[in-house]
Amino acid sequence: MESQTLLIKEYNIIWEALTHYEKHMEQMSLSASAEDEELSFDEKLQDIEVTRKTIQYGALNTYGIELKL
């Protein structure tokens, strides 16, 4: 039981970090001075979205942990 509590905490830390990084990338994309710079940030945002969905799916199906956006 203790290991599952630790696992839930770890998932939540990763989830919060991705959320924070996503917000940062959104701000960077909006303030980009060049189009290629903006595209680079947008690609990172897409990668974050895929990563979040993968983690969300894994947490729910493996451990029953529901992570919300």
PDB file of N, CA and C in Angstrom:
ATOM      1  N   MET A   1       0.822  -1.191   0.000  1.00  0.00           N
ATOM      2  CA  MET A   1       0.000   0.000   0.000  1.00  0.00           C
ATOM      3  C   MET A   1       0.868   1.258   0.000  1.00  0.00           C
ATOM      4  N   GLU A   2       1.953   1.226   0.771  1.00  0.00           N
ATOM      5  CA  GLU A   2       2.836   2.377   0.842  1.00  0.00           C
ATOM      6  C   GLU A   2       3.494   2.648  -0.506  1.00  0.00           C
ATOM      7  N   SER A   3       3.857   1.592  -1.225  1.00  0.00           N
ATOM      8  CA  SER A   3       4.478   1.771  -2.537  1.00  0.00           C
ATOM      9  C   SER A   3       3.494   2.365  -3.535  1.00  0.00           C
ATOM     10  N   GLN A   4       2.201   2.019  -3.408  1.00  0.00           N
ATOM     11  CA  GLN A   4       1.207   2.601  -4.303  1.00  0.00           C
ATOM     12  C   GLN A   4       1.015   4.084  -3.993  1.00  0.00           C
ATOM     13  N   THR A   5       1.060   4.462  -2.725  1.00  0.00           N
ATOM     14  CA  THR A   5       0.958   5.871  -2.345  1.00  0.00           C
ATOM     15  C   THR A   5       2.122   6.653  -2.932  1.00  0.00           C
ATOM     16  N   LEU A   6       3.314   6.088  -2.856  1.00  0.00           N
ATOM     17  CA  LEU A   6       4.491   6.726  -3.431  1.00  0.00           C
ATOM     18  C   LEU A   6       4.341   6.850  -4.938  1.00  0.00           C
ATOM     19  N   LEU A   7       3.835   5.828  -5.572  1.00  0.00           N
ATOM     20  CA  LEU A   7       3.625   5.838  -7.011  1.00  0.00           C
ATOM     21  C   LEU A   7       2.635   6.930  -7.414  1.00  0.00           C
ATOM     22  N   ILE A   8       1.560   7.071  -6.670  1.00  0.00           N
ATOM     23  CA  ILE A   8       0.567   8.109  -6.952  1.00  0.00           C
ATOM     24  C   ILE A   8       1.212   9.486  -6.824  1.00  0.00           C
ATOM     25  N   LYS A   9       2.026   9.680  -5.807  1.00  0.00           N
ATOM     26  CA  LYS A   9       2.723  10.958  -5.628  1.00  0.00           C
ATOM     27  C   LYS A   9       3.652  11.231  -6.802  1.00  0.00           C
ATOM     28  N   GLU A  10       4.356  10.205  -7.262  1.00  0.00           N
ATOM     29  CA  GLU A  10       5.271  10.376  -8.391  1.00  0.00           C
ATOM     30  C   GLU A  10       4.513  10.736  -9.666  1.00  0.00           C
ATOM     31  N   TYR A  11       3.395  10.065  -9.915  1.00  0.00           N
ATOM     32  CA  TYR A  11       2.579  10.410 -11.077  1.00  0.00           C
ATOM     33  C   TYR A  11       2.105  11.856 -10.983  1.00  0.00           C
ATOM     34  N   ASN A  12       1.665  12.274  -9.809  1.00  0.00           N
ATOM     35  CA  ASN A  12       1.181  13.641  -9.639  1.00  0.00           C
ATOM     36  C   ASN A  12       2.285  14.671  -9.836  1.00  0.00           C
ATOM     37  N   ILE A  13       3.490  14.368  -9.386  1.00  0.00           N
ATOM     38  CA  ILE A  13       4.620  15.278  -9.588  1.00  0.00           C
ATOM     39  C   ILE A  13       4.929  15.410 -11.073  1.00  0.00           C
ATOM     40  N   ILE A  14       4.986  14.294 -11.768  1.00  0.00           N
ATOM     41  CA  ILE A  14       5.244  14.327 -13.215  1.00  0.00           C
ATOM     42  C   ILE A  14       4.141  15.095 -13.929  1.00  0.00           C
ATOM     43  N   TRP A  15       2.907  14.853 -13.532  1.00  0.00           N
ATOM     44  CA  TRP A  15       1.752  15.503 -14.157  1.00  0.00           C
ATOM     45  C   TRP A  15       1.821  17.017 -13.959  1.00  0.00           C
ATOM     46  N   GLU A  16       2.119  17.452 -12.740  1.00  0.00           N
ATOM     47  CA  GLU A  16       2.230  18.884 -12.444  1.00  0.00           C
ATOM     48  C   GLU A  16       3.392  19.514 -13.205  1.00  0.00           C
ATOM     49  N   ALA A  17       4.500  18.806 -13.306  1.00  0.00           N
ATOM     50  CA  ALA A  17       5.656  19.321 -14.042  1.00  0.00           C
ATOM     51  C   ALA A  17       5.326  19.489 -15.522  1.00  0.00           C
ATOM     52  N   LEU A  18       4.644  18.523 -16.105  1.00  0.00           N
ATOM     53  CA  LEU A  18       4.244  18.639 -17.514  1.00  0.00           C
ATOM     54  C   LEU A  18       3.278  19.799 -17.711  1.00  0.00           C
ATOM     55  N   THR A  19       2.356  19.984 -16.782  1.00  0.00           N
ATOM     56  CA  THR A  19       1.405  21.092 -16.863  1.00  0.00           C
ATOM     57  C   THR A  19       2.143  22.425 -16.817  1.00  0.00           C
ATOM     58  N   HIS A  20       3.087  22.543 -15.907  1.00  0.00           N
ATOM     59  CA  HIS A  20       3.873  23.774 -15.785  1.00  0.00           C
ATOM     60  C   HIS A  20       4.686  24.024 -17.062  1.00  0.00           C
ATOM     61  N   TYR A  21       5.336  22.992 -17.561  1.00  0.00           N
ATOM     62  CA  TYR A  21       6.152  23.117 -18.772  1.00  0.00           C
ATOM     63  C   TYR A  21       5.279  23.474 -19.975  1.00  0.00           C
ATOM     64  N   GLU A  22       4.094  22.890 -20.037  1.00  0.00           N
ATOM     65  CA  GLU A  22       3.177  23.190 -21.132  1.00  0.00           C
ATOM     66  C   GLU A  22       2.782  24.668 -21.115  1.00  0.00           C
ATOM     67  N   LYS A  23       2.459  25.206 -19.953  1.00  0.00           N
ATOM     68  CA  LYS A  23       2.108  26.625 -19.837  1.00  0.00           C
ATOM     69  C   LYS A  23       3.279  27.509 -20.246  1.00  0.00           C
ATOM     70  N   HIS A  24       4.474  27.109 -19.845  1.00  0.00           N
ATOM     71  CA  HIS A  24       5.676  27.858 -20.216  1.00  0.00           C
ATOM     72  C   HIS A  24       5.869  27.850 -21.737  1.00  0.00           C
ATOM     73  N   MET A  25       5.714  26.697 -22.364  1.00  0.00           N
ATOM     74  CA  MET A  25       5.870  26.601 -23.816  1.00  0.00           C
ATOM     75  C   MET A  25       4.798  27.405 -24.549  1.00  0.00           C
ATOM     76  N   GLU A  26       3.585  27.439 -24.009  1.00  0.00           N
ATOM     77  CA  GLU A  26       2.524  28.250 -24.613  1.00  0.00           C
ATOM     78  C   GLU A  26       2.909  29.726 -24.594  1.00  0.00           C
ATOM     79  N   GLN A  27       3.443  30.194 -23.468  1.00  0.00           N
ATOM     80  CA  GLN A  27       3.884  31.588 -23.366  1.00  0.00           C
ATOM     81  C   GLN A  27       5.033  31.865 -24.327  1.00  0.00           C
ATOM     82  N   MET A  28       5.972  30.940 -24.416  1.00  0.00           N
ATOM     83  CA  MET A  28       7.107  31.118 -25.319  1.00  0.00           C
ATOM     84  C   MET A  28       6.639  31.161 -26.772  1.00  0.00           C
ATOM     85  N   SER A  29       5.674  30.329 -27.114  1.00  0.00           N
ATOM     86  CA  SER A  29       5.138  30.311 -28.470  1.00  0.00           C
ATOM     87  C   SER A  29       4.464  31.637 -28.800  1.00  0.00           C
ATOM     88  N   LEU A  30       3.693  32.148 -27.853  1.00  0.00           N
ATOM     89  CA  LEU A  30       2.994  33.415 -28.073  1.00  0.00           C
ATOM     90  C   LEU A  30       3.949  34.597 -28.195  1.00  0.00           C
ATOM     91  N   SER A  31       5.070  34.532 -27.509  1.00  0.00           N
ATOM     92  CA  SER A  31       6.007  35.655 -27.523  1.00  0.00           C
ATOM     93  C   SER A  31       7.168  35.457 -28.495  1.00  0.00           C
ATOM     94  N   ALA A  32       7.124  34.407 -29.283  1.00  0.00           N
ATOM     95  CA  ALA A  32       8.204  34.135 -30.242  1.00  0.00           C
ATOM     96  C   ALA A  32       8.283  35.257 -31.265  1.00  0.00           C
ATOM     97  N   SER A  33       9.503  35.662 -31.565  1.00  0.00           N
ATOM     98  CA  SER A  33       9.698  36.766 -32.504  1.00  0.00           C
ATOM     99  C   SER A  33       9.764  36.301 -33.958  1.00  0.00           C
ATOM    100  N   ALA A  34      10.054  35.043 -34.174  1.00  0.00           N
ATOM    101  CA  ALA A  34      10.155  34.516 -35.534  1.00  0.00           C
ATOM    102  C   ALA A  34       9.225  33.315 -35.686  1.00  0.00           C
ATOM    103  N   GLU A  35       8.759  33.120 -36.911  1.00  0.00           N
ATOM    104  CA  GLU A  35       7.818  32.033 -37.176  1.00  0.00           C
ATOM    105  C   GLU A  35       8.437  30.660 -36.918  1.00  0.00           C
ATOM    106  N   ASP A  36       9.700  30.490 -37.295  1.00  0.00           N
ATOM    107  CA  ASP A  36      10.341  29.190 -37.068  1.00  0.00           C
ATOM    108  C   ASP A  36      10.520  28.902 -35.578  1.00  0.00           C
ATOM    109  N   GLU A  37      10.724  29.944 -34.796  1.00  0.00           N
ATOM    110  CA  GLU A  37      10.814  29.794 -33.343  1.00  0.00           C
ATOM    111  C   GLU A  37       9.454  29.371 -32.775  1.00  0.00           C
ATOM    112  N   GLU A  38       8.404  30.003 -33.266  1.00  0.00           N
ATOM    113  CA  GLU A  38       7.048  29.662 -32.831  1.00  0.00           C
ATOM    114  C   GLU A  38       6.712  28.215 -33.189  1.00  0.00           C
ATOM    115  N   LEU A  39       7.086  27.792 -34.388  1.00  0.00           N
ATOM    116  CA  LEU A  39       6.839  26.413 -34.809  1.00  0.00           C
ATOM    117  C   LEU A  39       7.577  25.409 -33.923  1.00  0.00           C
ATOM    118  N   SER A  40       8.776  25.767 -33.519  1.00  0.00           N
ATOM    119  CA  SER A  40       9.549  24.897 -32.630  1.00  0.00           C
ATOM    120  C   SER A  40       8.828  24.711 -31.294  1.00  0.00           C
ATOM    121  N   PHE A  41       8.313  25.798 -30.744  1.00  0.00           N
ATOM    122  CA  PHE A  41       7.571  25.709 -29.485  1.00  0.00           C
ATOM    123  C   PHE A  41       6.274  24.928 -29.672  1.00  0.00           C
ATOM    124  N   ASP A  42       5.619  25.129 -30.799  1.00  0.00           N
ATOM    125  CA  ASP A  42       4.375  24.404 -31.069  1.00  0.00           C
ATOM    126  C   ASP A  42       4.617  22.896 -31.195  1.00  0.00           C
ATOM    127  N   GLU A  43       5.746  22.523 -31.796  1.00  0.00           N
ATOM    128  CA  GLU A  43       6.094  21.099 -31.882  1.00  0.00           C
ATOM    129  C   GLU A  43       6.309  20.513 -30.486  1.00  0.00           C
ATOM    130  N   LYS A  44       6.958  21.278 -29.627  1.00  0.00           N
ATOM    131  CA  LYS A  44       7.160  20.819 -28.250  1.00  0.00           C
ATOM    132  C   LYS A  44       5.825  20.673 -27.532  1.00  0.00           C
ATOM    133  N   LEU A  45       4.900  21.587 -27.803  1.00  0.00           N
ATOM    134  CA  LEU A  45       3.567  21.492 -27.202  1.00  0.00           C
ATOM    135  C   LEU A  45       2.850  20.225 -27.658  1.00  0.00           C
ATOM    136  N   GLN A  46       3.006  19.873 -28.922  1.00  0.00           N
ATOM    137  CA  GLN A  46       2.401  18.637 -29.421  1.00  0.00           C
ATOM    138  C   GLN A  46       3.028  17.416 -28.746  1.00  0.00           C
ATOM    139  N   ASP A  47       4.345  17.460 -28.557  1.00  0.00           N
ATOM    140  CA  ASP A  47       5.029  16.361 -27.862  1.00  0.00           C
ATOM    141  C   ASP A  47       4.528  16.228 -26.426  1.00  0.00           C
ATOM    142  N   ILE A  48       4.330  17.360 -25.767  1.00  0.00           N
ATOM    143  CA  ILE A  48       3.820  17.348 -24.395  1.00  0.00           C
ATOM    144  C   ILE A  48       2.432  16.729 -24.359  1.00  0.00           C
ATOM    145  N   GLU A  49       1.590  17.087 -25.322  1.00  0.00           N
ATOM    146  CA  GLU A  49       0.229  16.545 -25.366  1.00  0.00           C
ATOM    147  C   GLU A  49       0.247  15.021 -25.510  1.00  0.00           C
ATOM    148  N   VAL A  50       1.088  14.521 -26.395  1.00  0.00           N
ATOM    149  CA  VAL A  50       1.199  13.070 -26.587  1.00  0.00           C
ATOM    150  C   VAL A  50       1.722  12.405 -25.308  1.00  0.00           C
ATOM    151  N   THR A  51       2.718  13.006 -24.699  1.00  0.00           N
ATOM    152  CA  THR A  51       3.285  12.475 -23.459  1.00  0.00           C
ATOM    153  C   THR A  51       2.247  12.441 -22.351  1.00  0.00           C
ATOM    154  N   ARG A  52       1.479  13.517 -22.226  1.00  0.00           N
ATOM    155  CA  ARG A  52       0.440  13.575 -21.191  1.00  0.00           C
ATOM    156  C   ARG A  52      -0.602  12.477 -21.409  1.00  0.00           C
ATOM    157  N   LYS A  53      -1.018  12.288 -22.645  1.00  0.00           N
ATOM    158  CA  LYS A  53      -2.014  11.248 -22.931  1.00  0.00           C
ATOM    159  C   LYS A  53      -1.460   9.858 -22.626  1.00  0.00           C
ATOM    160  N   THR A  54      -0.193   9.631 -22.951  1.00  0.00           N
ATOM    161  CA  THR A  54       0.438   8.342 -22.678  1.00  0.00           C
ATOM    162  C   THR A  54       0.514   8.081 -21.176  1.00  0.00           C
ATOM    163  N   ILE A  55       0.942   9.079 -20.426  1.00  0.00           N
ATOM    164  CA  ILE A  55       1.032   8.940 -18.969  1.00  0.00           C
ATOM    165  C   ILE A  55      -0.351   8.760 -18.365  1.00  0.00           C
ATOM    166  N   GLN A  56      -1.309   9.535 -18.853  1.00  0.00           N
ATOM    167  CA  GLN A  56      -2.683   9.445 -18.347  1.00  0.00           C
ATOM    168  C   GLN A  56      -3.247   8.043 -18.587  1.00  0.00           C
ATOM    169  N   TYR A  57      -3.041   7.520 -19.769  1.00  0.00           N
ATOM    170  CA  TYR A  57      -3.522   6.178 -20.114  1.00  0.00           C
ATOM    171  C   TYR A  57      -2.842   5.116 -19.248  1.00  0.00           C
ATOM    172  N   GLY A  58      -1.525   5.220 -19.131  1.00  0.00           N
ATOM    173  CA  GLY A  58      -0.779   4.246 -18.338  1.00  0.00           C
ATOM    174  C   GLY A  58      -1.164   4.266 -16.869  1.00  0.00           C
ATOM    175  N   ALA A  59      -1.332   5.450 -16.325  1.00  0.00           N
ATOM    176  CA  ALA A  59      -1.701   5.571 -14.907  1.00  0.00           C
ATOM    177  C   ALA A  59      -3.075   4.968 -14.654  1.00  0.00           C
ATOM    178  N   LEU A  60      -4.005   5.226 -15.545  1.00  0.00           N
ATOM    179  CA  LEU A  60      -5.365   4.725 -15.358  1.00  0.00           C
ATOM    180  C   LEU A  60      -5.439   3.212 -15.555  1.00  0.00           C
ATOM    181  N   ASN A  61      -4.858   2.725 -16.629  1.00  0.00           N
ATOM    182  CA  ASN A  61      -4.988   1.304 -16.955  1.00  0.00           C
ATOM    183  C   ASN A  61      -4.082   0.390 -16.137  1.00  0.00           C
ATOM    184  N   THR A  62      -2.977   0.893 -15.660  1.00  0.00           N
ATOM    185  CA  THR A  62      -2.066   0.060 -14.886  1.00  0.00           C
ATOM    186  C   THR A  62      -2.334   0.139 -13.386  1.00  0.00           C
ATOM    187  N   TYR A  63      -2.611   1.361 -12.907  1.00  0.00           N
ATOM    188  CA  TYR A  63      -2.727   1.549 -11.459  1.00  0.00           C
ATOM    189  C   TYR A  63      -4.075   2.106 -11.008  1.00  0.00           C
ATOM    190  N   GLY A  64      -4.953   2.428 -11.955  1.00  0.00           N
ATOM    191  CA  GLY A  64      -6.255   2.979 -11.598  1.00  0.00           C
ATOM    192  C   GLY A  64      -6.187   4.419 -11.126  1.00  0.00           C
ATOM    193  N   ILE A  65      -5.106   5.119 -11.476  1.00  0.00           N
ATOM    194  CA  ILE A  65      -4.927   6.515 -11.084  1.00  0.00           C
ATOM    195  C   ILE A  65      -5.508   7.400 -12.178  1.00  0.00           C
ATOM    196  N   GLU A  66      -6.448   8.263 -11.827  1.00  0.00           N
ATOM    197  CA  GLU A  66      -7.060   9.153 -12.806  1.00  0.00           C
ATOM    198  C   GLU A  66      -6.401  10.528 -12.724  1.00  0.00           C
ATOM    199  N   LEU A  67      -5.677  10.880 -13.783  1.00  0.00           N
ATOM    200  CA  LEU A  67      -5.024  12.182 -13.871  1.00  0.00           C
ATOM    201  C   LEU A  67      -5.873  13.075 -14.764  1.00  0.00           C
ATOM    202  N   LYS A  68      -6.178  14.271 -14.294  1.00  0.00           N
ATOM    203  CA  LYS A  68      -7.051  15.175 -15.048  1.00  0.00           C
ATOM    204  C   LYS A  68      -6.278  16.384 -15.529  1.00  0.00           C
ATOM    205  N   LEU A  69      -6.722  16.900 -16.671  1.00  0.00           N
ATOM    206  CA  LEU A  69      -6.101  18.100 -17.234  1.00  0.00           C
ATOM    207  C   LEU A  69      -6.471  19.327 -16.476  1.00  0.00           C
TER     208      LEU A  69
END
